[in-house]
Amino acid sequence: MAIVNVSDAEFQNTVREGLVLVDFWAPWCGPCKIIAPILEELSGSIGDAVTIAKVNVDDNPESAGRYGIMSIPTLKLFKDGVDVATYVGVRPLAELEAAVKAHL
């Protein structure tokens, strides 16, 4: 499954079913640029099991505020609408894969 860009208006609908990994990011964020290809690789390896969604915090401050995003990149894992895990900063592919698989 491809990585999807999500707005404040779409956020709740996007995370309400299944497993969704949300990347809170911004275009000016250096570490966000580092994690982007890791998320692409994750999508390629287990994208059928998880939806990967990107939320630009500059364009969508409501979602970032609702979940207390204080630094980016922050990744949040949702299972059927419930926030089950948070990862702040760049994480290696193996860690993210293990985290997703733990919630399948």
PDB file of N, CA and C in Angstrom:
ATOM      1  N   MET A   1       0.846  -1.189   0.000  1.00  0.00           N
ATOM      2  CA  MET A   1       0.000   0.000   0.000  1.00  0.00           C
ATOM      3  C   MET A   1       0.885   1.244   0.000  1.00  0.00           C
ATOM      4  N   ALA A   2       0.480   2.237  -0.719  1.00  0.00           N
ATOM      5  CA  ALA A   2       1.245   3.475  -0.789  1.00  0.00           C
ATOM      6  C   ALA A   2       1.108   4.281   0.494  1.00  0.00           C
ATOM      7  N   ILE A   3       2.064   5.140   0.721  1.00  0.00           N
ATOM      8  CA  ILE A   3       1.994   6.065   1.853  1.00  0.00           C
ATOM      9  C   ILE A   3       1.004   7.167   1.486  1.00  0.00           C
ATOM     10  N   VAL A   4       0.124   7.497   2.427  1.00  0.00           N
ATOM     11  CA  VAL A   4      -0.909   8.491   2.155  1.00  0.00           C
ATOM     12  C   VAL A   4      -0.666   9.760   2.969  1.00  0.00           C
ATOM     13  N   ASN A   5      -0.967  10.898   2.369  1.00  0.00           N
ATOM     14  CA  ASN A   5      -0.917  12.173   3.081  1.00  0.00           C
ATOM     15  C   ASN A   5      -2.302  12.421   3.657  1.00  0.00           C
ATOM     16  N   VAL A   6      -2.336  12.818   4.927  1.00  0.00           N
ATOM     17  CA  VAL A   6      -3.605  12.959   5.631  1.00  0.00           C
ATOM     18  C   VAL A   6      -3.723  14.364   6.206  1.00  0.00           C
ATOM     19  N   SER A   7      -4.913  14.938   6.066  1.00  0.00           N
ATOM     20  CA  SER A   7      -5.186  16.265   6.624  1.00  0.00           C
ATOM     21  C   SER A   7      -5.927  16.114   7.954  1.00  0.00           C
ATOM     22  N   ASP A   8      -6.073  17.221   8.665  1.00  0.00           N
ATOM     23  CA  ASP A   8      -6.847  17.216   9.910  1.00  0.00           C
ATOM     24  C   ASP A   8      -8.244  16.645   9.664  1.00  0.00           C
ATOM     25  N   ALA A   9      -8.867  17.034   8.556  1.00  0.00           N
ATOM     26  CA  ALA A   9     -10.234  16.602   8.262  1.00  0.00           C
ATOM     27  C   ALA A   9     -10.326  15.093   8.047  1.00  0.00           C
ATOM     28  N   GLU A  10      -9.274  14.479   7.543  1.00  0.00           N
ATOM     29  CA  GLU A  10      -9.285  13.047   7.228  1.00  0.00           C
ATOM     30  C   GLU A  10      -8.712  12.173   8.340  1.00  0.00           C
ATOM     31  N   PHE A  11      -8.075  12.778   9.330  1.00  0.00           N
ATOM     32  CA  PHE A  11      -7.279  12.031  10.297  1.00  0.00           C
ATOM     33  C   PHE A  11      -8.067  10.937  11.011  1.00  0.00           C
ATOM     34  N   GLN A  12      -9.155  11.283  11.661  1.00  0.00           N
ATOM     35  CA  GLN A  12      -9.912  10.307  12.449  1.00  0.00           C
ATOM     36  C   GLN A  12     -10.427   9.162  11.585  1.00  0.00           C
ATOM     37  N   ASN A  13     -10.870   9.478  10.390  1.00  0.00           N
ATOM     38  CA  ASN A  13     -11.362   8.441   9.489  1.00  0.00           C
ATOM     39  C   ASN A  13     -10.225   7.509   9.059  1.00  0.00           C
ATOM     40  N   THR A  14      -9.030   8.049   8.904  1.00  0.00           N
ATOM     41  CA  THR A  14      -7.877   7.258   8.469  1.00  0.00           C
ATOM     42  C   THR A  14      -7.424   6.269   9.535  1.00  0.00           C
ATOM     43  N   VAL A  15      -7.441   6.677  10.800  1.00  0.00           N
ATOM     44  CA  VAL A  15      -6.901   5.817  11.868  1.00  0.00           C
ATOM     45  C   VAL A  15      -7.952   4.916  12.529  1.00  0.00           C
ATOM     46  N   ARG A  16      -9.212   5.035  12.158  1.00  0.00           N
ATOM     47  CA  ARG A  16     -10.253   4.324  12.910  1.00  0.00           C
ATOM     48  C   ARG A  16     -10.294   2.823  12.683  1.00  0.00           C
ATOM     49  N   GLU A  17      -9.754   2.316  11.571  1.00  0.00           N
ATOM     50  CA  GLU A  17      -9.800   0.879  11.309  1.00  0.00           C
ATOM     51  C   GLU A  17      -8.428   0.350  10.941  1.00  0.00           C
ATOM     52  N   GLY A  18      -8.104  -0.815  11.483  1.00  0.00           N
ATOM     53  CA  GLY A  18      -6.851  -1.472  11.132  1.00  0.00           C
ATOM     54  C   GLY A  18      -5.661  -0.864  11.858  1.00  0.00           C
ATOM     55  N   LEU A  19      -4.488  -1.191  11.335  1.00  0.00           N
ATOM     56  CA  LEU A  19      -3.233  -0.714  11.905  1.00  0.00           C
ATOM     57  C   LEU A  19      -2.716   0.435  11.040  1.00  0.00           C
ATOM     58  N   VAL A  20      -2.472   1.589  11.667  1.00  0.00           N
ATOM     59  CA  VAL A  20      -2.044   2.776  10.939  1.00  0.00           C
ATOM     60  C   VAL A  20      -0.851   3.402  11.656  1.00  0.00           C
ATOM     61  N   LEU A  21       0.245   3.568  10.937  1.00  0.00           N
ATOM     62  CA  LEU A  21       1.427   4.257  11.454  1.00  0.00           C
ATOM     63  C   LEU A  21       1.413   5.672  10.903  1.00  0.00           C
ATOM     64  N   VAL A  22       1.307   6.648  11.795  1.00  0.00           N
ATOM     65  CA  VAL A  22       1.215   8.049  11.380  1.00  0.00           C
ATOM     66  C   VAL A  22       2.548   8.746  11.635  1.00  0.00           C
ATOM     67  N   ASP A  23       3.068   9.372  10.589  1.00  0.00           N
ATOM     68  CA  ASP A  23       4.308  10.145  10.662  1.00  0.00           C
ATOM     69  C   ASP A  23       3.944  11.623  10.728  1.00  0.00           C
ATOM     70  N   PHE A  24       4.162  12.234  11.890  1.00  0.00           N
ATOM     71  CA  PHE A  24       3.976  13.681  12.031  1.00  0.00           C
ATOM     72  C   PHE A  24       5.299  14.324  11.625  1.00  0.00           C
ATOM     73  N   TRP A  25       5.286  15.175  10.605  1.00  0.00           N
ATOM     74  CA  TRP A  25       6.506  15.688   9.991  1.00  0.00           C
ATOM     75  C   TRP A  25       6.284  17.115   9.476  1.00  0.00           C
ATOM     76  N   ALA A  26       7.362  17.706   8.960  1.00  0.00           N
ATOM     77  CA  ALA A  26       7.296  18.998   8.267  1.00  0.00           C
ATOM     78  C   ALA A  26       8.392  19.027   7.205  1.00  0.00           C
ATOM     79  N   PRO A  27       8.168  19.762   6.115  1.00  0.00           N
ATOM     80  CA  PRO A  27       9.142  19.782   5.022  1.00  0.00           C
ATOM     81  C   PRO A  27      10.512  20.360   5.411  1.00  0.00           C
ATOM     82  N   TRP A  28      10.558  21.230   6.402  1.00  0.00           N
ATOM     83  CA  TRP A  28      11.816  21.875   6.802  1.00  0.00           C
ATOM     84  C   TRP A  28      12.618  21.037   7.802  1.00  0.00           C
ATOM     85  N   CYS A  29      12.071  19.906   8.246  1.00  0.00           N
ATOM     86  CA  CYS A  29      12.663  19.079   9.298  1.00  0.00           C
ATOM     87  C   CYS A  29      13.696  18.105   8.719  1.00  0.00           C
ATOM     88  N   GLY A  30      14.954  18.273   9.097  1.00  0.00           N
ATOM     89  CA  GLY A  30      16.024  17.402   8.607  1.00  0.00           C
ATOM     90  C   GLY A  30      15.824  15.936   8.955  1.00  0.00           C
ATOM     91  N   PRO A  31      15.585  15.595  10.231  1.00  0.00           N
ATOM     92  CA  PRO A  31      15.355  14.190  10.581  1.00  0.00           C
ATOM     93  C   PRO A  31      14.137  13.586   9.865  1.00  0.00           C
ATOM     94  N   CYS A  32      13.140  14.421   9.550  1.00  0.00           N
ATOM     95  CA  CYS A  32      11.968  13.932   8.816  1.00  0.00           C
ATOM     96  C   CYS A  32      12.382  13.444   7.420  1.00  0.00           C
ATOM     97  N   LYS A  33      13.349  14.127   6.833  1.00  0.00           N
ATOM     98  CA  LYS A  33      13.855  13.723   5.514  1.00  0.00           C
ATOM     99  C   LYS A  33      14.630  12.412   5.617  1.00  0.00           C
ATOM    100  N   ILE A  34      15.250  12.169   6.762  1.00  0.00           N
ATOM    101  CA  ILE A  34      16.006  10.931   6.969  1.00  0.00           C
ATOM    102  C   ILE A  34      15.058   9.741   7.134  1.00  0.00           C
ATOM    103  N   ILE A  35      13.958   9.943   7.839  1.00  0.00           N
ATOM    104  CA  ILE A  35      13.045   8.820   8.102  1.00  0.00           C
ATOM    105  C   ILE A  35      12.140   8.509   6.906  1.00  0.00           C
ATOM    106  N   ALA A  36      11.968   9.448   5.992  1.00  0.00           N
ATOM    107  CA  ALA A  36      11.074   9.223   4.850  1.00  0.00           C
ATOM    108  C   ALA A  36      11.434   7.967   4.047  1.00  0.00           C
ATOM    109  N   PRO A  37      12.702   7.755   3.669  1.00  0.00           N
ATOM    110  CA  PRO A  37      13.001   6.528   2.917  1.00  0.00           C
ATOM    111  C   PRO A  37      12.856   5.255   3.762  1.00  0.00           C
ATOM    112  N   ILE A  38      13.023   5.368   5.068  1.00  0.00           N
ATOM    113  CA  ILE A  38      12.813   4.215   5.956  1.00  0.00           C
ATOM    114  C   ILE A  38      11.332   3.822   5.927  1.00  0.00           C
ATOM    115  N   LEU A  39      10.453   4.826   5.928  1.00  0.00           N
ATOM    116  CA  LEU A  39       9.019   4.548   5.861  1.00  0.00           C
ATOM    117  C   LEU A  39       8.638   3.975   4.500  1.00  0.00           C
ATOM    118  N   GLU A  40       9.288   4.448   3.445  1.00  0.00           N
ATOM    119  CA  GLU A  40       9.054   3.882   2.107  1.00  0.00           C
ATOM    120  C   GLU A  40       9.425   2.403   2.097  1.00  0.00           C
ATOM    121  N   GLU A  41      10.557   2.083   2.700  1.00  0.00           N
ATOM    122  CA  GLU A  41      11.012   0.695   2.757  1.00  0.00           C
ATOM    123  C   GLU A  41      10.048  -0.147   3.603  1.00  0.00           C
ATOM    124  N   LEU A  42       9.596   0.402   4.709  1.00  0.00           N
ATOM    125  CA  LEU A  42       8.631  -0.288   5.555  1.00  0.00           C
ATOM    126  C   LEU A  42       7.343  -0.562   4.784  1.00  0.00           C
ATOM    127  N   SER A  43       6.900   0.421   4.034  1.00  0.00           N
ATOM    128  CA  SER A  43       5.700   0.263   3.217  1.00  0.00           C
ATOM    129  C   SER A  43       5.883  -0.864   2.207  1.00  0.00           C
ATOM    130  N   GLY A  44       7.076  -0.953   1.640  1.00  0.00           N
ATOM    131  CA  GLY A  44       7.355  -2.003   0.672  1.00  0.00           C
ATOM    132  C   GLY A  44       7.406  -3.386   1.295  1.00  0.00           C
ATOM    133  N   SER A  45       7.873  -3.462   2.540  1.00  0.00           N
ATOM    134  CA  SER A  45       8.041  -4.774   3.164  1.00  0.00           C
ATOM    135  C   SER A  45       6.782  -5.281   3.860  1.00  0.00           C
ATOM    136  N   ILE A  46       6.045  -4.397   4.549  1.00  0.00           N
ATOM    137  CA  ILE A  46       4.838  -4.859   5.254  1.00  0.00           C
ATOM    138  C   ILE A  46       3.656  -3.913   5.047  1.00  0.00           C
ATOM    139  N   GLY A  47       3.657  -3.236   3.932  1.00  0.00           N
ATOM    140  CA  GLY A  47       2.596  -2.266   3.647  1.00  0.00           C
ATOM    141  C   GLY A  47       1.210  -2.846   3.525  1.00  0.00           C
ATOM    142  N   ASP A  48       1.119  -4.171   3.305  1.00  0.00           N
ATOM    143  CA  ASP A  48      -0.202  -4.786   3.234  1.00  0.00           C
ATOM    144  C   ASP A  48      -0.812  -4.965   4.622  1.00  0.00           C
ATOM    145  N   ALA A  49       0.026  -4.931   5.656  1.00  0.00           N
ATOM    146  CA  ALA A  49      -0.442  -5.130   7.031  1.00  0.00           C
ATOM    147  C   ALA A  49      -0.702  -3.820   7.766  1.00  0.00           C
ATOM    148  N   VAL A  50      -0.156  -2.728   7.257  1.00  0.00           N
ATOM    149  CA  VAL A  50      -0.260  -1.440   7.939  1.00  0.00           C
ATOM    150  C   VAL A  50      -0.429  -0.323   6.913  1.00  0.00           C
ATOM    151  N   THR A  51      -1.232   0.665   7.269  1.00  0.00           N
ATOM    152  CA  THR A  51      -1.323   1.886   6.473  1.00  0.00           C
ATOM    153  C   THR A  51      -0.315   2.872   7.045  1.00  0.00           C
ATOM    154  N   ILE A  52       0.469   3.488   6.182  1.00  0.00           N
ATOM    155  CA  ILE A  52       1.398   4.521   6.638  1.00  0.00           C
ATOM    156  C   ILE A  52       0.851   5.860   6.165  1.00  0.00           C
ATOM    157  N   ALA A  53       0.610   6.746   7.125  1.00  0.00           N
ATOM    158  CA  ALA A  53       0.026   8.056   6.842  1.00  0.00           C
ATOM    159  C   ALA A  53       0.985   9.146   7.293  1.00  0.00           C
ATOM    160  N   LYS A  54       1.078  10.207   6.496  1.00  0.00           N
ATOM    161  CA  LYS A  54       1.935  11.342   6.830  1.00  0.00           C
ATOM    162  C   LYS A  54       1.055  12.553   7.107  1.00  0.00           C
ATOM    163  N   VAL A  55       1.347  13.233   8.218  1.00  0.00           N
ATOM    164  CA  VAL A  55       0.618  14.442   8.584  1.00  0.00           C
ATOM    165  C   VAL A  55       1.621  15.583   8.684  1.00  0.00           C
ATOM    166  N   ASN A  56       1.512  16.547   7.787  1.00  0.00           N
ATOM    167  CA  ASN A  56       2.366  17.736   7.807  1.00  0.00           C
ATOM    168  C   ASN A  56       1.857  18.629   8.946  1.00  0.00           C
ATOM    169  N   VAL A  57       2.670  18.778   9.994  1.00  0.00           N
ATOM    170  CA  VAL A  57       2.225  19.512  11.186  1.00  0.00           C
ATOM    171  C   VAL A  57       2.016  21.002  10.919  1.00  0.00           C
ATOM    172  N   ASP A  58       2.695  21.551   9.921  1.00  0.00           N
ATOM    173  CA  ASP A  58       2.493  22.963   9.590  1.00  0.00           C
ATOM    174  C   ASP A  58       1.113  23.187   8.979  1.00  0.00           C
ATOM    175  N   ASP A  59       0.679  22.247   8.144  1.00  0.00           N
ATOM    176  CA  ASP A  59      -0.607  22.371   7.464  1.00  0.00           C
ATOM    177  C   ASP A  59      -1.767  21.806   8.282  1.00  0.00           C
ATOM    178  N   ASN A  60      -1.458  20.980   9.278  1.00  0.00           N
ATOM    179  CA  ASN A  60      -2.497  20.285  10.048  1.00  0.00           C
ATOM    180  C   ASN A  60      -2.223  20.358  11.546  1.00  0.00           C
ATOM    181  N   PRO A  61      -2.270  21.564  12.111  1.00  0.00           N
ATOM    182  CA  PRO A  61      -1.928  21.733  13.521  1.00  0.00           C
ATOM    183  C   PRO A  61      -2.929  21.092  14.485  1.00  0.00           C
ATOM    184  N   GLU A  62      -4.164  20.879  14.056  1.00  0.00           N
ATOM    185  CA  GLU A  62      -5.183  20.305  14.937  1.00  0.00           C
ATOM    186  C   GLU A  62      -4.810  18.879  15.348  1.00  0.00           C
ATOM    187  N   SER A  63      -4.444  18.050  14.379  1.00  0.00           N
ATOM    188  CA  SER A  63      -4.075  16.663  14.689  1.00  0.00           C
ATOM    189  C   SER A  63      -2.820  16.612  15.551  1.00  0.00           C
ATOM    190  N   ALA A  64      -1.832  17.421  15.204  1.00  0.00           N
ATOM    191  CA  ALA A  64      -0.591  17.451  15.986  1.00  0.00           C
ATOM    192  C   ALA A  64      -0.872  17.895  17.417  1.00  0.00           C
ATOM    193  N   GLY A  65      -1.722  18.894  17.593  1.00  0.00           N
ATOM    194  CA  GLY A  65      -2.071  19.374  18.927  1.00  0.00           C
ATOM    195  C   GLY A  65      -2.853  18.353  19.726  1.00  0.00           C
ATOM    196  N   ARG A  66      -3.788  17.669  19.086  1.00  0.00           N
ATOM    197  CA  ARG A  66      -4.623  16.676  19.760  1.00  0.00           C
ATOM    198  C   ARG A  66      -3.782  15.566  20.376  1.00  0.00           C
ATOM    199  N   TYR A  67      -2.676  15.209  19.710  1.00  0.00           N
ATOM    200  CA  TYR A  67      -1.831  14.119  20.203  1.00  0.00           C
ATOM    201  C   TYR A  67      -0.551  14.603  20.867  1.00  0.00           C
ATOM    202  N   GLY A  68      -0.475  15.892  21.168  1.00  0.00           N
ATOM    203  CA  GLY A  68       0.642  16.440  21.933  1.00  0.00           C
ATOM    204  C   GLY A  68       1.996  16.303  21.259  1.00  0.00           C
ATOM    205  N   ILE A  69       2.015  16.458  19.945  1.00  0.00           N
ATOM    206  CA  ILE A  69       3.273  16.337  19.208  1.00  0.00           C
ATOM    207  C   ILE A  69       4.137  17.554  19.529  1.00  0.00           C
ATOM    208  N   MET A  70       5.261  17.303  20.209  1.00  0.00           N
ATOM    209  CA  MET A  70       6.152  18.385  20.630  1.00  0.00           C
ATOM    210  C   MET A  70       7.427  18.451  19.791  1.00  0.00           C
ATOM    211  N   SER A  71       7.801  17.346  19.183  1.00  0.00           N
ATOM    212  CA  SER A  71       8.974  17.339  18.307  1.00  0.00           C
ATOM    213  C   SER A  71       8.699  16.400  17.146  1.00  0.00           C
ATOM    214  N   ILE A  72       9.375  16.660  16.051  1.00  0.00           N
ATOM    215  CA  ILE A  72       9.185  15.839  14.862  1.00  0.00           C
ATOM    216  C   ILE A  72      10.537  15.341  14.358  1.00  0.00           C
ATOM    217  N   PRO A  73      10.569  14.188  13.729  1.00  0.00           N
ATOM    218  CA  PRO A  73       9.412  13.349  13.453  1.00  0.00           C
ATOM    219  C   PRO A  73       8.952  12.597  14.703  1.00  0.00           C
ATOM    220  N   THR A  74       7.641  12.495  14.821  1.00  0.00           N
ATOM    221  CA  THR A  74       7.036  11.620  15.813  1.00  0.00           C
ATOM    222  C   THR A  74       6.145  10.651  15.046  1.00  0.00           C
ATOM    223  N   LEU A  75       6.307   9.366  15.340  1.00  0.00           N
ATOM    224  CA  LEU A  75       5.475   8.343  14.729  1.00  0.00           C
ATOM    225  C   LEU A  75       4.526   7.824  15.793  1.00  0.00           C
ATOM    226  N   LYS A  76       3.256   7.708  15.430  1.00  0.00           N
ATOM    227  CA  LYS A  76       2.259   7.139  16.340  1.00  0.00           C
ATOM    228  C   LYS A  76       1.618   5.958  15.638  1.00  0.00           C
ATOM    229  N   LEU A  77       1.473   4.866  16.373  1.00  0.00           N
ATOM    230  CA  LEU A  77       0.845   3.674  15.839  1.00  0.00           C
ATOM    231  C   LEU A  77      -0.563   3.568  16.421  1.00  0.00           C
ATOM    232  N   PHE A  78      -1.543   3.466  15.542  1.00  0.00           N
ATOM    233  CA  PHE A  78      -2.944   3.344  15.944  1.00  0.00           C
ATOM    234  C   PHE A  78      -3.455   1.973  15.536  1.00  0.00           C
ATOM    235  N   LYS A  79      -4.226   1.352  16.420  1.00  0.00           N
ATOM    236  CA  LYS A  79      -4.895   0.087  16.099  1.00  0.00           C
ATOM    237  C   LYS A  79      -6.383   0.287  16.344  1.00  0.00           C
ATOM    238  N   ASP A  80      -7.141   0.233  15.259  1.00  0.00           N
ATOM    239  CA  ASP A  80      -8.597   0.445  15.318  1.00  0.00           C
ATOM    240  C   ASP A  80      -8.944   1.723  16.077  1.00  0.00           C
ATOM    241  N   GLY A  81      -8.229   2.798  15.779  1.00  0.00           N
ATOM    242  CA  GLY A  81      -8.512   4.109  16.347  1.00  0.00           C
ATOM    243  C   GLY A  81      -7.875   4.403  17.686  1.00  0.00           C
ATOM    244  N   VAL A  82      -7.217   3.401  18.286  1.00  0.00           N
ATOM    245  CA  VAL A  82      -6.584   3.582  19.594  1.00  0.00           C
ATOM    246  C   VAL A  82      -5.088   3.803  19.414  1.00  0.00           C
ATOM    247  N   ASP A  83      -4.570   4.838  20.049  1.00  0.00           N
ATOM    248  CA  ASP A  83      -3.140   5.158  20.023  1.00  0.00           C
ATOM    249  C   ASP A  83      -2.413   4.124  20.886  1.00  0.00           C
ATOM    250  N   VAL A  84      -1.637   3.227  20.258  1.00  0.00           N
ATOM    251  CA  VAL A  84      -1.006   2.130  21.001  1.00  0.00           C
ATOM    252  C   VAL A  84       0.499   2.290  21.200  1.00  0.00           C
ATOM    253  N   ALA A  85       1.147   3.175  20.435  1.00  0.00           N
ATOM    254  CA  ALA A  85       2.600   3.346  20.589  1.00  0.00           C
ATOM    255  C   ALA A  85       3.042   4.670  19.984  1.00  0.00           C
ATOM    256  N   THR A  86       4.131   5.218  20.536  1.00  0.00           N
ATOM    257  CA  THR A  86       4.708   6.471  20.048  1.00  0.00           C
ATOM    258  C   THR A  86       6.210   6.316  19.936  1.00  0.00           C
ATOM    259  N   TYR A  87       6.771   6.816  18.838  1.00  0.00           N
ATOM    260  CA  TYR A  87       8.218   6.778  18.594  1.00  0.00           C
ATOM    261  C   TYR A  87       8.650   8.174  18.182  1.00  0.00           C
ATOM    262  N   VAL A  88       9.547   8.767  18.962  1.00  0.00           N
ATOM    263  CA  VAL A  88      10.019  10.122  18.672  1.00  0.00           C
ATOM    264  C   VAL A  88      11.413  10.038  18.071  1.00  0.00           C
ATOM    265  N   GLY A  89      11.612  10.749  16.960  1.00  0.00           N
ATOM    266  CA  GLY A  89      12.909  10.766  16.309  1.00  0.00           C
ATOM    267  C   GLY A  89      13.040   9.663  15.271  1.00  0.00           C
ATOM    268  N   VAL A  90      14.183   9.638  14.628  1.00  0.00           N
ATOM    269  CA  VAL A  90      14.451   8.644  13.588  1.00  0.00           C
ATOM    270  C   VAL A  90      14.641   7.281  14.243  1.00  0.00           C
ATOM    271  N   ARG A  91      13.965   6.288  13.698  1.00  0.00           N
ATOM    272  CA  ARG A  91      14.066   4.910  14.187  1.00  0.00           C
ATOM    273  C   ARG A  91      14.503   4.012  13.032  1.00  0.00           C
ATOM    274  N   PRO A  92      15.282   2.976  13.337  1.00  0.00           N
ATOM    275  CA  PRO A  92      15.715   2.068  12.275  1.00  0.00           C
ATOM    276  C   PRO A  92      14.547   1.213  11.762  1.00  0.00           C
ATOM    277  N   LEU A  93      14.673   0.769  10.539  1.00  0.00           N
ATOM    278  CA  LEU A  93      13.636  -0.036   9.906  1.00  0.00           C
ATOM    279  C   LEU A  93      13.267  -1.252  10.752  1.00  0.00           C
ATOM    280  N   ALA A  94      14.249  -1.970  11.259  1.00  0.00           N
ATOM    281  CA  ALA A  94      13.986  -3.192  12.035  1.00  0.00           C
ATOM    282  C   ALA A  94      13.123  -2.894  13.259  1.00  0.00           C
ATOM    283  N   GLU A  95      13.371  -1.787  13.924  1.00  0.00           N
ATOM    284  CA  GLU A  95      12.574  -1.412  15.108  1.00  0.00           C
ATOM    285  C   GLU A  95      11.133  -1.131  14.731  1.00  0.00           C
ATOM    286  N   LEU A  96      10.944  -0.410  13.622  1.00  0.00           N
ATOM    287  CA  LEU A  96       9.587  -0.081  13.186  1.00  0.00           C
ATOM    288  C   LEU A  96       8.840  -1.331  12.720  1.00  0.00           C
ATOM    289  N   GLU A  97       9.532  -2.209  12.003  1.00  0.00           N
ATOM    290  CA  GLU A  97       8.911  -3.468  11.564  1.00  0.00           C
ATOM    291  C   GLU A  97       8.466  -4.293  12.771  1.00  0.00           C
ATOM    292  N   ALA A  98       9.333  -4.402  13.771  1.00  0.00           N
ATOM    293  CA  ALA A  98       9.006  -5.176  14.973  1.00  0.00           C
ATOM    294  C   ALA A  98       7.818  -4.562  15.703  1.00  0.00           C
ATOM    295  N   ALA A  99       7.781  -3.242  15.773  1.00  0.00           N
ATOM    296  CA  ALA A  99       6.687  -2.553  16.460  1.00  0.00           C
ATOM    297  C   ALA A  99       5.352  -2.833  15.768  1.00  0.00           C
ATOM    298  N   VAL A 100       5.352  -2.742  14.456  1.00  0.00           N
ATOM    299  CA  VAL A 100       4.117  -2.994  13.700  1.00  0.00           C
ATOM    300  C   VAL A 100       3.698  -4.460  13.870  1.00  0.00           C
ATOM    301  N   LYS A 101       4.641  -5.374  13.703  1.00  0.00           N
ATOM    302  CA  LYS A 101       4.315  -6.804  13.799  1.00  0.00           C
ATOM    303  C   LYS A 101       3.809  -7.183  15.187  1.00  0.00           C
ATOM    304  N   ALA A 102       4.262  -6.486  16.217  1.00  0.00           N
ATOM    305  CA  ALA A 102       3.815  -6.765  17.580  1.00  0.00           C
ATOM    306  C   ALA A 102       2.336  -6.456  17.780  1.00  0.00           C
ATOM    307  N   HIS A 103       1.780  -5.625  16.905  1.00  0.00           N
ATOM    308  CA  HIS A 103       0.375  -5.216  17.045  1.00  0.00           C
ATOM    309  C   HIS A 103      -0.535  -5.835  16.000  1.00  0.00           C
ATOM    310  N   LEU A 104       0.003  -6.748  15.216  1.00  0.00           N
ATOM    311  CA  LEU A 104      -0.844  -7.407  14.197  1.00  0.00           C
ATOM    312  C   LEU A 104      -1.764  -8.436  14.832  1.00  0.00           C
TER     313      LEU A 104
END
